[in-house]
Amino acid sequence: MVNVPKERRTYCASSKCKKHQVHKVTQYKAGKASNFAQGKRRYDSKQMGFGGQTKPVFHKKAKTTRKIVLRLECKKCKTRKQLVLKRTKHFELGAKKEAAGHQY
């Protein structure tokens, strides 16, 4: 399980900063796919009419984990950058650490 703090001091490469600053950390999430992208238009046009499924549907999923992508936003200049972490099943952002040992 990976637990990442919600703020991180790291290098900001924008022309305004060019030094280490505090960054706000969020998890990257892919946006909604557009219906007007070239591939989607081609796929829809090919699917029209008779003839069933025209392109292969992927079934052989092998991976059980995902690569975690962090989105870092500089608090000073609002510049954003992305940082890829290793593969993990469980990911937490800013969760409290539980004390080790017996709890009374």
N, C-alpha and C. Protein backbone atom coordinates (compact mmCIF):
# COMPACT_ATOMS: atom_id res chain seq x y z
N MET A 1 0.84 -1.18 0.00
CA MET A 1 0.00 0.00 0.00
C MET A 1 0.89 1.24 0.00
N VAL A 2 0.55 2.21 -0.84
CA VAL A 2 1.33 3.44 -0.95
C VAL A 2 0.52 4.59 -0.38
N ASN A 3 1.14 5.34 0.52
CA ASN A 3 0.50 6.51 1.13
C ASN A 3 1.34 7.74 0.82
N VAL A 4 0.76 8.71 0.12
CA VAL A 4 1.50 9.90 -0.31
C VAL A 4 0.91 11.14 0.36
N PRO A 5 1.74 12.03 0.92
CA PRO A 5 1.21 13.25 1.53
C PRO A 5 0.59 14.19 0.50
N LYS A 6 -0.35 15.05 0.94
CA LYS A 6 -1.06 15.93 0.02
C LYS A 6 -0.23 17.11 -0.44
N GLU A 7 0.88 17.37 0.24
CA GLU A 7 1.81 18.43 -0.18
C GLU A 7 3.21 17.86 -0.25
N ARG A 8 4.00 18.40 -1.20
CA ARG A 8 5.36 17.91 -1.38
C ARG A 8 6.24 19.06 -1.85
N ARG A 9 7.42 19.16 -1.25
CA ARG A 9 8.38 20.16 -1.70
C ARG A 9 9.24 19.55 -2.79
N THR A 10 9.14 20.08 -4.01
CA THR A 10 9.91 19.54 -5.11
C THR A 10 10.23 20.65 -6.10
N TYR A 11 11.08 20.35 -7.08
CA TYR A 11 11.56 21.37 -8.01
C TYR A 11 10.46 21.82 -8.97
N CYS A 12 10.33 23.14 -9.14
CA CYS A 12 9.39 23.70 -10.10
C CYS A 12 10.19 24.25 -11.28
N ALA A 13 9.95 23.72 -12.47
CA ALA A 13 10.78 24.03 -13.64
C ALA A 13 10.26 25.22 -14.44
N SER A 14 9.18 25.87 -13.99
CA SER A 14 8.63 26.98 -14.77
C SER A 14 9.60 28.16 -14.75
N SER A 15 9.47 29.05 -15.74
CA SER A 15 10.38 30.19 -15.85
C SER A 15 10.24 31.16 -14.68
N LYS A 16 9.07 31.11 -13.98
CA LYS A 16 8.84 32.01 -12.85
C LYS A 16 9.59 31.55 -11.60
N CYS A 17 9.65 30.23 -11.38
CA CYS A 17 10.23 29.71 -10.13
C CYS A 17 11.67 29.25 -10.28
N LYS A 18 11.87 28.15 -11.01
CA LYS A 18 13.18 27.51 -11.19
C LYS A 18 13.88 27.17 -9.87
N LYS A 19 13.10 26.76 -8.87
CA LYS A 19 13.67 26.29 -7.60
C LYS A 19 12.65 25.39 -6.91
N HIS A 20 13.03 24.81 -5.76
CA HIS A 20 12.12 23.95 -5.02
C HIS A 20 11.00 24.78 -4.40
N GLN A 21 9.76 24.32 -4.60
CA GLN A 21 8.59 24.98 -4.04
C GLN A 21 7.66 23.91 -3.47
N VAL A 22 6.66 24.35 -2.72
CA VAL A 22 5.64 23.43 -2.22
C VAL A 22 4.65 23.17 -3.35
N HIS A 23 4.34 21.90 -3.60
CA HIS A 23 3.39 21.50 -4.64
C HIS A 23 2.20 20.80 -4.00
N LYS A 24 1.00 21.04 -4.55
CA LYS A 24 -0.19 20.32 -4.13
C LYS A 24 -0.26 19.03 -4.94
N VAL A 25 -0.50 17.90 -4.27
CA VAL A 25 -0.48 16.59 -4.93
C VAL A 25 -1.90 16.06 -5.08
N THR A 26 -2.28 15.68 -6.31
CA THR A 26 -3.55 15.00 -6.55
C THR A 26 -3.26 13.81 -7.45
N GLN A 27 -4.22 12.90 -7.57
CA GLN A 27 -4.03 11.74 -8.43
C GLN A 27 -4.58 12.06 -9.82
N TYR A 28 -3.81 11.74 -10.85
CA TYR A 28 -4.24 11.99 -12.23
C TYR A 28 -5.41 11.08 -12.59
N LYS A 29 -6.36 11.65 -13.29
CA LYS A 29 -7.51 10.88 -13.76
C LYS A 29 -7.73 11.27 -15.22
N ALA A 30 -7.89 10.26 -16.09
CA ALA A 30 -8.08 10.53 -17.51
C ALA A 30 -9.41 11.24 -17.74
N GLY A 31 -9.44 12.17 -18.68
CA GLY A 31 -10.66 12.91 -18.99
C GLY A 31 -11.63 12.07 -19.80
N LYS A 32 -12.83 12.60 -19.98
CA LYS A 32 -13.86 11.92 -20.75
C LYS A 32 -13.44 11.87 -22.23
N ALA A 33 -13.57 10.70 -22.85
CA ALA A 33 -13.17 10.54 -24.25
C ALA A 33 -14.12 11.33 -25.15
N SER A 34 -13.55 12.04 -26.12
CA SER A 34 -14.36 12.86 -27.03
C SER A 34 -14.96 11.99 -28.13
N ASN A 35 -16.20 12.30 -28.51
CA ASN A 35 -16.85 11.58 -29.61
C ASN A 35 -16.34 12.04 -30.97
N PHE A 36 -15.59 13.13 -31.00
CA PHE A 36 -15.17 13.71 -32.28
C PHE A 36 -13.69 13.51 -32.56
N ALA A 37 -13.00 12.70 -31.74
CA ALA A 37 -11.62 12.34 -32.02
C ALA A 37 -11.59 11.47 -33.27
N GLN A 38 -10.51 11.54 -34.06
CA GLN A 38 -10.46 10.85 -35.35
C GLN A 38 -10.68 9.35 -35.21
N GLY A 39 -10.04 8.73 -34.21
CA GLY A 39 -10.18 7.29 -34.04
C GLY A 39 -11.61 6.87 -33.72
N LYS A 40 -12.29 7.64 -32.90
CA LYS A 40 -13.68 7.34 -32.53
C LYS A 40 -14.61 7.51 -33.74
N ARG A 41 -14.38 8.55 -34.53
CA ARG A 41 -15.19 8.76 -35.74
C ARG A 41 -14.99 7.61 -36.72
N ARG A 42 -13.74 7.17 -36.89
CA ARG A 42 -13.43 6.07 -37.80
C ARG A 42 -14.08 4.78 -37.31
N TYR A 43 -13.98 4.53 -36.00
CA TYR A 43 -14.54 3.31 -35.41
C TYR A 43 -16.05 3.29 -35.57
N ASP A 44 -16.73 4.42 -35.27
CA ASP A 44 -18.19 4.48 -35.39
C ASP A 44 -18.64 4.27 -36.82
N SER A 45 -17.89 4.87 -37.77
CA SER A 45 -18.24 4.74 -39.18
C SER A 45 -18.08 3.30 -39.64
N LYS A 46 -17.03 2.61 -39.13
CA LYS A 46 -16.78 1.23 -39.50
C LYS A 46 -17.84 0.29 -38.90
N GLN A 47 -18.34 0.63 -37.70
CA GLN A 47 -19.32 -0.20 -37.01
C GLN A 47 -20.72 -0.09 -37.61
N MET A 48 -20.99 0.98 -38.35
CA MET A 48 -22.34 1.21 -38.88
C MET A 48 -22.78 0.10 -39.84
N GLY A 49 -24.06 -0.16 -39.87
CA GLY A 49 -24.61 -1.12 -40.82
C GLY A 49 -24.50 -2.55 -40.34
N PHE A 50 -24.60 -3.49 -41.26
CA PHE A 50 -24.55 -4.91 -40.93
C PHE A 50 -23.11 -5.39 -40.85
N GLY A 51 -22.93 -6.54 -40.21
CA GLY A 51 -21.58 -7.12 -40.20
C GLY A 51 -21.00 -7.32 -38.81
N GLY A 52 -21.71 -6.94 -37.78
CA GLY A 52 -21.26 -7.21 -36.41
C GLY A 52 -20.02 -6.41 -36.00
N GLN A 53 -19.34 -6.92 -34.98
CA GLN A 53 -18.14 -6.26 -34.44
C GLN A 53 -17.02 -6.31 -35.48
N THR A 54 -16.43 -5.15 -35.81
CA THR A 54 -15.44 -5.10 -36.89
C THR A 54 -14.01 -5.09 -36.39
N LYS A 55 -13.81 -4.64 -35.15
CA LYS A 55 -12.44 -4.58 -34.62
C LYS A 55 -12.33 -5.50 -33.41
N PRO A 56 -11.12 -5.98 -33.10
CA PRO A 56 -10.98 -6.91 -31.98
C PRO A 56 -11.33 -6.26 -30.64
N VAL A 57 -12.00 -7.04 -29.77
CA VAL A 57 -12.29 -6.60 -28.40
C VAL A 57 -11.31 -7.31 -27.49
N PHE A 58 -10.58 -6.54 -26.67
CA PHE A 58 -9.50 -7.07 -25.84
C PHE A 58 -10.06 -7.83 -24.63
N HIS A 59 -9.66 -9.11 -24.48
CA HIS A 59 -10.13 -9.92 -23.36
C HIS A 59 -9.00 -10.43 -22.47
N LYS A 60 -7.76 -10.49 -22.99
CA LYS A 60 -6.67 -11.15 -22.26
C LYS A 60 -5.97 -10.21 -21.28
N LYS A 61 -6.72 -9.70 -20.28
CA LYS A 61 -6.14 -8.76 -19.32
C LYS A 61 -5.21 -9.52 -18.38
N ALA A 62 -3.95 -9.09 -18.30
CA ALA A 62 -2.96 -9.81 -17.51
C ALA A 62 -2.56 -9.04 -16.25
N LYS A 63 -2.59 -7.73 -16.30
CA LYS A 63 -2.12 -6.93 -15.17
C LYS A 63 -3.18 -6.85 -14.07
N THR A 64 -2.71 -6.88 -12.82
CA THR A 64 -3.64 -6.75 -11.69
C THR A 64 -3.43 -5.42 -10.97
N THR A 65 -2.42 -4.66 -11.39
CA THR A 65 -2.12 -3.38 -10.74
C THR A 65 -2.12 -2.28 -11.77
N ARG A 66 -2.08 -1.02 -11.30
CA ARG A 66 -2.00 0.11 -12.21
C ARG A 66 -0.81 0.98 -11.83
N LYS A 67 -0.25 1.67 -12.80
CA LYS A 67 0.78 2.64 -12.49
C LYS A 67 0.08 3.88 -11.94
N ILE A 68 0.61 4.42 -10.86
CA ILE A 68 0.02 5.60 -10.23
C ILE A 68 0.68 6.85 -10.80
N VAL A 69 -0.14 7.80 -11.25
CA VAL A 69 0.37 9.07 -11.77
C VAL A 69 -0.06 10.18 -10.83
N LEU A 70 0.92 10.94 -10.32
CA LEU A 70 0.62 12.08 -9.45
C LEU A 70 0.62 13.36 -10.27
N ARG A 71 -0.30 14.27 -9.95
CA ARG A 71 -0.36 15.58 -10.60
C ARG A 71 0.09 16.60 -9.57
N LEU A 72 1.25 17.23 -9.82
CA LEU A 72 1.82 18.19 -8.88
C LEU A 72 1.55 19.60 -9.38
N GLU A 73 0.94 20.43 -8.54
CA GLU A 73 0.66 21.82 -8.91
C GLU A 73 1.41 22.75 -7.98
N CYS A 74 2.27 23.60 -8.54
CA CYS A 74 3.06 24.55 -7.76
C CYS A 74 2.12 25.56 -7.09
N LYS A 75 2.32 25.77 -5.79
CA LYS A 75 1.44 26.68 -5.06
C LYS A 75 1.70 28.14 -5.43
N LYS A 76 2.95 28.44 -5.89
CA LYS A 76 3.30 29.81 -6.24
C LYS A 76 2.78 30.20 -7.62
N CYS A 77 3.20 29.44 -8.65
CA CYS A 77 2.93 29.85 -10.04
C CYS A 77 1.86 29.00 -10.72
N LYS A 78 1.28 28.01 -10.00
CA LYS A 78 0.19 27.17 -10.51
C LYS A 78 0.59 26.28 -11.69
N THR A 79 1.89 26.15 -11.96
CA THR A 79 2.35 25.25 -13.03
C THR A 79 2.14 23.81 -12.59
N ARG A 80 1.68 22.95 -13.51
CA ARG A 80 1.42 21.55 -13.19
C ARG A 80 2.41 20.64 -13.89
N LYS A 81 2.78 19.57 -13.20
CA LYS A 81 3.60 18.53 -13.84
C LYS A 81 3.12 17.19 -13.33
N GLN A 82 3.47 16.13 -14.06
CA GLN A 82 3.03 14.79 -13.69
C GLN A 82 4.22 13.94 -13.30
N LEU A 83 4.02 13.06 -12.33
CA LEU A 83 5.07 12.21 -11.81
C LEU A 83 4.53 10.79 -11.72
N VAL A 84 5.20 9.84 -12.38
CA VAL A 84 4.74 8.45 -12.41
C VAL A 84 5.39 7.68 -11.26
N LEU A 85 4.56 6.97 -10.47
CA LEU A 85 5.07 6.09 -9.43
C LEU A 85 5.05 4.65 -9.95
N LYS A 86 5.55 3.73 -9.15
CA LYS A 86 5.56 2.33 -9.56
C LYS A 86 4.15 1.74 -9.49
N ARG A 87 4.02 0.50 -9.93
CA ARG A 87 2.72 -0.18 -9.91
C ARG A 87 2.32 -0.51 -8.48
N THR A 88 1.03 -0.34 -8.18
CA THR A 88 0.52 -0.73 -6.87
C THR A 88 -0.96 -1.01 -6.95
N LYS A 89 -1.45 -1.88 -6.05
CA LYS A 89 -2.88 -2.18 -6.01
C LYS A 89 -3.62 -1.13 -5.21
N HIS A 90 -3.04 -0.75 -4.04
CA HIS A 90 -3.72 0.18 -3.14
C HIS A 90 -2.94 1.49 -3.08
N PHE A 91 -3.63 2.60 -3.25
CA PHE A 91 -3.00 3.92 -3.23
C PHE A 91 -3.83 4.84 -2.37
N GLU A 92 -3.17 5.56 -1.44
CA GLU A 92 -3.87 6.51 -0.59
C GLU A 92 -3.18 7.86 -0.68
N LEU A 93 -3.97 8.90 -0.59
CA LEU A 93 -3.45 10.26 -0.66
C LEU A 93 -3.72 10.95 0.67
N GLY A 94 -2.64 11.23 1.43
CA GLY A 94 -2.76 11.97 2.67
C GLY A 94 -3.49 11.27 3.79
N ALA A 95 -3.41 9.92 3.86
CA ALA A 95 -4.06 9.18 4.94
C ALA A 95 -3.19 9.25 6.20
N LYS A 96 -3.84 9.21 7.35
CA LYS A 96 -3.11 9.25 8.63
C LYS A 96 -2.39 7.93 8.83
N LYS A 97 -1.15 8.00 9.34
CA LYS A 97 -0.39 6.78 9.61
C LYS A 97 -0.88 6.18 10.91
N GLU A 98 -1.09 4.85 10.91
CA GLU A 98 -1.51 4.16 12.12
C GLU A 98 -0.27 3.82 12.94
N ALA A 99 -0.35 4.03 14.26
CA ALA A 99 0.77 3.73 15.14
C ALA A 99 1.00 2.23 15.21
N ALA A 100 2.26 1.82 15.16
CA ALA A 100 2.58 0.40 15.22
C ALA A 100 2.43 -0.11 16.64
N GLY A 101 2.18 -1.39 16.80
CA GLY A 101 2.06 -1.97 18.13
C GLY A 101 0.63 -2.00 18.64
N HIS A 102 0.50 -2.37 19.91
CA HIS A 102 -0.83 -2.56 20.51
C HIS A 102 -1.48 -1.22 20.87
N GLN A 103 -2.76 -1.10 20.56
CA GLN A 103 -3.53 0.11 20.89
C GLN A 103 -4.41 -0.18 22.11
N TYR A 104 -4.36 0.71 23.11
CA TYR A 104 -5.20 0.55 24.31
C TYR A 104 -6.52 1.25 24.13
